[in-house]
């Protein structure tokens, strides 16, 4: 069932997004894990369009939050306001009370406003004036930031970065893809005419089915060994936490399900490791001076850890 619905969602999104199968698959992995995605790339590559296309395809509610230095936590979570007609306080929900939330340029908000997302992202709930409210399910935050233009920004703290299941870079299109983009958008934008291809109940069912994807003990140990190798690497000051190894476990299950399998294989783990682990690593200053990047370190680690073989 998961593979069939995933195909429908992917095909629907590709009515708007040209190519980028890998990126779409990663967002589907996040949906199945009910995790969050950090989209890092320069402006104009389709991050916002991807988020809107995904929400429409899922038949889910969607809100966009434009993060700026003057944005307040209450602008994200909502607030209690006094209704003079009823002579009582009422809760006015913020944009976070949606299934799919696009946190655009998240690193432009102050740390206080960024932290207002922490409880929502981890606990799927928010607290306003001492009262806790559950967020709708499924709940997915797609946060964007420009890794090049850093003037006037507030870097996300490690605690918040660790809440993201995946870090994804869309990248520039190929020459052929860019030509197709011009052909597709020359007369009108196809996004407004996009229709849902599934619904909330089906997505929640798929999320439960993902949990039943089998993970052999040897592959579970393989995930643990990769995570531990990031903590023991001489060029890494801070390796992946247990949340990172759990994220790799869940993401590998989701990728296997999208590909139509009820079990994971080593290639699933290898494919998901870069997106799951790179943003969780803190590279040593010496390694940074040598030009080492988290992506290359994760690649080295995955290559060095022995792959379990069937006995």
Protein backbone atom coordinates (compact mmCIF):
# COMPACT_ATOMS: atom_id res chain seq x y z
CA UNK A 1 0.00 0.00 0.00
CA UNK A 2 2.74 2.46 0.94
CA UNK A 3 4.54 2.12 -2.40
CA UNK A 4 1.31 2.75 -4.33
CA UNK A 5 0.39 5.87 -2.39
CA UNK A 6 4.01 7.10 -2.51
CA UNK A 7 3.96 6.75 -6.31
CA UNK A 8 0.75 8.79 -6.52
CA UNK A 9 2.15 11.54 -4.29
CA UNK A 10 5.47 11.63 -6.18
CA UNK A 11 3.72 11.80 -9.57
CA UNK A 12 1.44 14.58 -8.32
CA UNK A 13 4.31 16.68 -6.94
CA UNK A 14 6.20 16.23 -10.21
CA UNK A 15 3.40 18.04 -12.00
CA UNK A 16 4.96 21.11 -10.42
CA UNK A 17 8.51 20.12 -9.43
CA UNK A 18 10.65 19.05 -12.39
CA UNK A 19 12.86 16.03 -11.64
CA UNK A 20 14.33 15.86 -8.11
CA UNK A 21 13.13 12.29 -7.45
CA UNK A 22 15.62 11.92 -4.58
CA UNK A 23 14.44 15.11 -2.87
CA UNK A 24 10.77 14.11 -3.18
CA UNK A 25 11.57 10.66 -1.80
CA UNK A 26 13.29 12.25 1.20
CA UNK A 27 10.22 14.38 1.95
CA UNK A 28 8.08 11.23 1.73
CA UNK A 29 10.46 9.54 4.18
CA UNK A 30 9.90 12.45 6.56
CA UNK A 31 6.13 12.13 6.18
CA UNK A 32 6.20 8.40 7.00
CA UNK A 33 8.40 9.04 10.05
CA UNK A 34 6.43 12.17 11.02
CA UNK A 35 9.79 13.91 11.14
CA UNK A 36 10.92 17.38 10.17
CA UNK A 37 13.08 18.56 7.27
CA UNK A 38 15.70 21.30 7.12
CA UNK A 39 15.91 22.57 3.53
CA UNK A 40 19.25 24.31 3.01
CA UNK A 41 19.84 25.98 -0.33
CA UNK A 42 20.04 29.28 -2.15
CA UNK A 43 16.80 31.11 -3.04
CA UNK A 44 14.80 30.25 -6.14
CA UNK A 45 15.28 26.48 -6.26
CA UNK A 46 11.71 25.51 -5.33
CA UNK A 47 11.78 24.97 -1.55
CA UNK A 48 8.48 26.78 -0.96
CA UNK A 49 6.89 25.19 -4.02
CA UNK A 50 7.92 21.74 -2.79
CA UNK A 51 6.31 22.36 0.61
CA UNK A 52 3.04 23.59 -0.91
CA UNK A 53 2.92 20.77 -3.44
CA UNK A 54 3.46 18.21 -0.69
CA UNK A 55 0.72 19.66 1.52
CA UNK A 56 -1.78 19.78 -1.34
CA UNK A 57 -0.94 16.22 -2.42
CA UNK A 58 -1.49 14.96 1.14
CA UNK A 59 -4.81 16.78 1.48
CA UNK A 60 -3.29 18.45 4.54
CA UNK A 61 -3.60 21.92 6.04
CA UNK A 62 -0.68 24.22 5.22
CA UNK A 63 0.70 27.42 6.72
CA UNK A 64 3.78 29.46 5.93
CA UNK A 65 5.67 31.44 8.58
CA UNK A 66 8.07 34.07 7.25
CA UNK A 67 10.73 34.32 9.93
CA UNK A 68 12.11 37.83 10.51
CA UNK A 69 14.03 39.44 13.41
CA UNK A 70 10.84 41.10 14.73
CA UNK A 71 8.74 37.91 14.71
CA UNK A 72 7.42 37.07 18.20
CA UNK A 73 6.85 33.59 19.68
CA UNK A 74 3.10 34.34 19.85
CA UNK A 75 3.15 34.96 16.08
CA UNK A 76 4.09 31.29 15.77
CA UNK A 77 2.13 29.59 18.54
CA UNK A 78 -0.93 31.82 18.81
CA UNK A 79 -2.22 33.75 21.82
CA UNK A 80 -5.12 34.26 24.19
CA UNK A 81 -7.07 37.43 23.45
CA UNK A 82 -9.94 39.04 25.31
CA UNK A 83 -13.26 38.90 23.45
CA UNK A 84 -15.12 41.98 24.68
CA UNK A 85 -18.45 40.77 23.32
CA UNK A 86 -18.25 37.48 25.24
CA UNK A 87 -16.26 39.00 28.12
CA UNK A 88 -13.83 36.08 28.15
CA UNK A 89 -10.44 35.08 26.82
CA UNK A 90 -10.28 33.02 23.63
CA UNK A 91 -7.37 31.22 22.06
CA UNK A 92 -6.40 32.41 18.60
CA UNK A 93 -4.28 29.62 17.08
CA UNK A 94 -1.06 30.50 15.32
CA UNK A 95 0.16 29.05 12.02
CA UNK A 96 1.92 26.22 13.87
CA UNK A 97 -1.52 24.58 14.28
CA UNK A 98 -1.33 22.98 10.82
CA UNK A 99 -0.34 19.64 9.33
CA UNK A 100 2.45 21.06 7.15
CA UNK A 101 4.27 24.18 8.33
CA UNK A 102 6.83 25.99 6.19
CA UNK A 103 9.24 27.88 8.46
CA UNK A 104 10.79 30.11 5.80
CA UNK A 105 14.28 31.47 6.54
CA UNK A 106 14.13 30.14 10.08
CA UNK A 107 17.60 31.45 10.91
CA UNK A 108 16.44 35.09 10.52
CA UNK A 109 14.33 34.96 13.69
CA UNK A 110 15.72 35.57 17.15
CA UNK A 111 16.66 32.56 19.32
CA UNK A 112 13.60 33.21 21.52
CA UNK A 113 11.26 32.83 18.55
CA UNK A 114 13.20 29.86 17.17
CA UNK A 115 12.82 28.11 20.53
CA UNK A 116 9.03 28.45 20.31
CA UNK A 117 9.23 25.68 17.72
CA UNK A 118 11.14 23.28 19.97
CA UNK A 119 8.21 21.93 21.97
CA UNK A 120 6.05 21.69 18.86
CA UNK A 121 8.67 19.80 16.86
CA UNK A 122 9.53 17.31 19.59
CA UNK A 123 6.34 16.86 21.61
CA UNK A 124 3.71 17.61 18.91
CA UNK A 125 2.13 20.05 21.34
CA UNK A 126 2.42 23.68 22.39
CA UNK A 127 1.88 25.52 25.66
CA UNK A 128 0.39 29.01 25.76
CA UNK A 129 -0.26 30.73 29.10
CA UNK A 130 0.17 27.44 30.93
CA UNK A 131 -2.38 25.55 28.82
CA UNK A 132 -1.13 22.71 26.61
CA UNK A 133 -2.71 21.97 23.26
CA UNK A 134 -2.04 19.03 20.96
CA UNK A 135 -1.04 19.76 17.38
CA UNK A 136 -2.91 18.16 14.47
CA UNK A 137 -1.53 14.94 13.06
CA UNK A 138 0.36 14.35 10.90
CA UNK A 139 2.61 17.28 11.80
CA UNK A 140 5.59 18.19 9.63
CA UNK A 141 7.85 21.24 9.75
CA UNK A 142 9.76 22.13 6.60
CA UNK A 143 12.28 24.80 7.57
CA UNK A 144 14.38 26.67 5.02
CA UNK A 145 17.58 28.61 5.40
CA UNK A 146 20.07 30.15 3.00
CA UNK A 147 23.54 28.73 3.78
CA UNK A 148 25.29 31.52 1.85
CA UNK A 149 23.73 34.82 2.97
CA UNK A 150 24.39 34.80 6.72
CA UNK A 151 24.40 38.53 7.54
CA UNK A 152 21.72 39.35 10.11
CA UNK A 153 20.94 35.71 10.86
CA UNK A 154 20.87 33.70 14.09
CA UNK A 155 22.39 30.22 13.65
CA UNK A 156 20.16 27.44 14.91
CA UNK A 157 21.40 25.90 18.18
CA UNK A 158 22.47 22.26 18.17
CA UNK A 159 19.43 21.29 20.26
CA UNK A 160 17.07 22.54 17.56
CA UNK A 161 19.05 21.22 14.60
CA UNK A 162 18.95 17.77 16.22
CA UNK A 163 15.12 17.90 16.07
CA UNK A 164 15.21 17.73 12.29
CA UNK A 165 15.00 14.20 10.95
CA UNK A 166 16.66 15.16 7.65
CA UNK A 167 18.71 17.92 6.11
CA UNK A 168 18.03 18.20 2.38
CA UNK A 169 19.61 20.27 -0.37
CA UNK A 170 17.55 20.62 -3.56
CA UNK A 171 20.43 21.75 -5.77
CA UNK A 172 20.41 23.40 -9.17
CA UNK A 173 18.51 21.66 -11.98
CA UNK A 174 20.30 20.07 -14.89
CA UNK A 175 20.22 21.85 -18.26
CA UNK A 176 17.44 19.54 -19.46
CA UNK A 177 15.42 20.06 -16.26
CA UNK A 178 15.77 23.83 -16.46
CA UNK A 179 14.51 23.78 -20.04
CA UNK A 180 11.50 21.73 -18.93
CA UNK A 181 10.83 24.24 -16.13
CA UNK A 182 10.64 27.07 -18.68
CA UNK A 183 8.34 25.01 -20.90
CA UNK A 184 6.06 24.06 -17.99
CA UNK A 185 5.72 27.54 -16.49
CA UNK A 186 5.71 29.65 -19.68
CA UNK A 187 1.91 30.02 -19.74
CA UNK A 188 0.70 29.40 -16.19
CA UNK A 189 1.71 28.05 -12.80
CA UNK A 190 0.48 24.44 -12.41
CA UNK A 191 0.43 24.66 -8.59
CA UNK A 192 -3.05 26.26 -8.16
CA UNK A 193 -4.66 23.43 -10.14
CA UNK A 194 -2.98 20.66 -8.13
CA UNK A 195 -5.41 18.29 -6.40
CA UNK A 196 -4.99 15.98 -3.35
CA UNK A 197 -4.21 12.33 -4.11
CA UNK A 198 -4.55 10.96 -0.58
CA UNK A 199 -5.92 11.99 2.81
CA UNK A 200 -4.97 12.40 6.45
CA UNK A 201 -6.37 9.03 7.56
CA UNK A 202 -4.42 7.18 4.88
CA UNK A 203 -1.21 8.98 5.84
CA UNK A 204 -1.67 8.06 9.51
CA UNK A 205 -2.24 4.42 8.49
CA UNK A 206 0.95 4.47 6.41
CA UNK A 207 2.90 5.85 9.35
CA UNK A 208 1.79 2.87 11.43
CA UNK A 209 2.64 0.46 8.61
CA UNK A 210 6.14 1.91 8.41
CA UNK A 211 6.79 0.75 11.97
CA UNK A 212 6.21 -2.86 10.92
CA UNK A 213 9.07 -2.87 8.36
CA UNK A 214 11.46 -5.55 9.61
CA UNK A 215 14.99 -4.65 10.67
CA UNK A 216 17.35 -7.59 11.13
CA UNK A 217 19.45 -7.57 14.29
CA UNK A 218 22.63 -7.34 12.22
CA UNK A 219 21.32 -4.20 10.48
CA UNK A 220 20.26 -2.70 13.76
CA UNK A 221 23.82 -3.22 15.01
CA UNK A 222 25.12 -1.73 11.74
CA UNK A 223 23.18 1.48 12.44
CA UNK A 224 24.55 1.63 15.99
CA UNK A 225 28.11 1.11 14.75
CA UNK A 226 27.77 3.97 12.25
CA UNK A 227 26.42 6.29 14.93
CA UNK A 228 29.18 5.34 17.37
CA UNK A 229 31.82 5.82 14.69
CA UNK A 230 30.77 9.48 14.39
CA UNK A 231 31.49 9.94 18.12
CA UNK A 232 34.91 8.30 17.91
CA UNK A 233 36.17 9.99 14.74
CA UNK A 234 39.22 12.18 15.37
CA UNK A 235 37.94 15.00 13.14
CA UNK A 236 34.51 15.20 14.82
CA UNK A 237 34.11 16.98 18.16
CA UNK A 238 30.44 16.07 18.59
CA UNK A 239 28.97 12.96 16.98
CA UNK A 240 25.41 11.79 16.40
CA UNK A 241 23.26 11.33 19.50
CA UNK A 242 21.00 8.31 20.14
CA UNK A 243 18.26 10.42 18.54
CA UNK A 244 20.41 10.36 15.41
CA UNK A 245 20.71 6.57 15.37
CA UNK A 246 16.95 6.24 15.98
CA UNK A 247 16.30 8.68 13.13
CA UNK A 248 18.52 6.60 10.83
CA UNK A 249 16.62 3.49 11.89
CA UNK A 250 13.20 5.02 11.12
CA UNK A 251 14.31 6.69 7.90
CA UNK A 252 15.71 3.40 6.59
CA UNK A 253 12.38 1.72 7.35
CA UNK A 254 10.52 4.45 5.48
CA UNK A 255 12.80 4.25 2.44
CA UNK A 256 12.35 0.48 2.27
CA UNK A 257 8.56 0.91 2.45
CA UNK A 258 8.59 3.53 -0.33
CA UNK A 259 10.51 1.05 -2.48
CA UNK A 260 7.93 -1.67 -1.82
CA UNK A 261 9.79 -3.81 0.71
CA UNK A 262 8.75 -4.90 4.21
CA UNK A 263 12.38 -5.23 5.30
CA UNK A 264 15.43 -2.99 5.10
CA UNK A 265 18.76 -3.74 3.43
CA UNK A 266 22.19 -2.14 3.99
CA UNK A 267 21.71 0.09 0.94
CA UNK A 268 18.74 1.76 2.66
CA UNK A 269 20.95 2.71 5.59
CA UNK A 270 23.74 3.92 3.33
CA UNK A 271 21.31 6.01 1.29
CA UNK A 272 19.78 7.71 4.34
CA UNK A 273 22.95 8.27 6.39
CA UNK A 274 24.04 11.55 4.69
CA UNK A 275 20.65 13.24 5.07
CA UNK A 276 20.14 11.99 8.64
CA UNK A 277 23.61 12.47 10.13
CA UNK A 278 25.46 15.40 8.52
CA UNK A 279 23.60 18.18 10.35
CA UNK A 280 24.13 16.43 13.70
CA UNK A 281 27.93 16.53 13.56
CA UNK A 282 30.23 19.23 14.94
CA UNK A 283 33.48 19.23 12.98
CA UNK A 284 36.71 20.00 14.83
CA UNK A 285 38.36 23.37 14.06
CA UNK A 286 41.43 21.60 12.66
CA UNK A 287 39.27 19.58 10.25
CA UNK A 288 37.46 22.75 9.18
CA UNK A 289 40.78 24.44 8.39
CA UNK A 290 41.62 21.46 6.20
CA UNK A 291 38.36 21.98 4.30
CA UNK A 292 36.66 18.86 5.59
CA UNK A 293 32.87 18.80 5.27
CA UNK A 294 30.32 16.74 7.25
CA UNK A 295 29.17 15.08 4.01
CA UNK A 296 32.62 13.70 3.25
CA UNK A 297 33.13 12.57 6.84
CA UNK A 298 29.82 10.68 6.87
CA UNK A 299 30.76 9.09 3.54
CA UNK A 300 34.12 8.00 4.99
CA UNK A 301 32.48 6.58 8.10
CA UNK A 302 29.84 4.62 6.18
CA UNK A 303 32.57 3.21 3.93
CA UNK A 304 34.73 2.19 6.91
CA UNK A 305 32.06 0.37 8.92
CA UNK A 306 31.82 -3.28 7.80
CA UNK A 307 28.52 -4.13 6.10
CA UNK A 308 26.80 -7.13 7.66
CA UNK A 309 26.69 -10.16 5.39
CA UNK A 310 24.15 -12.94 5.35
CA UNK A 311 25.48 -16.03 7.10
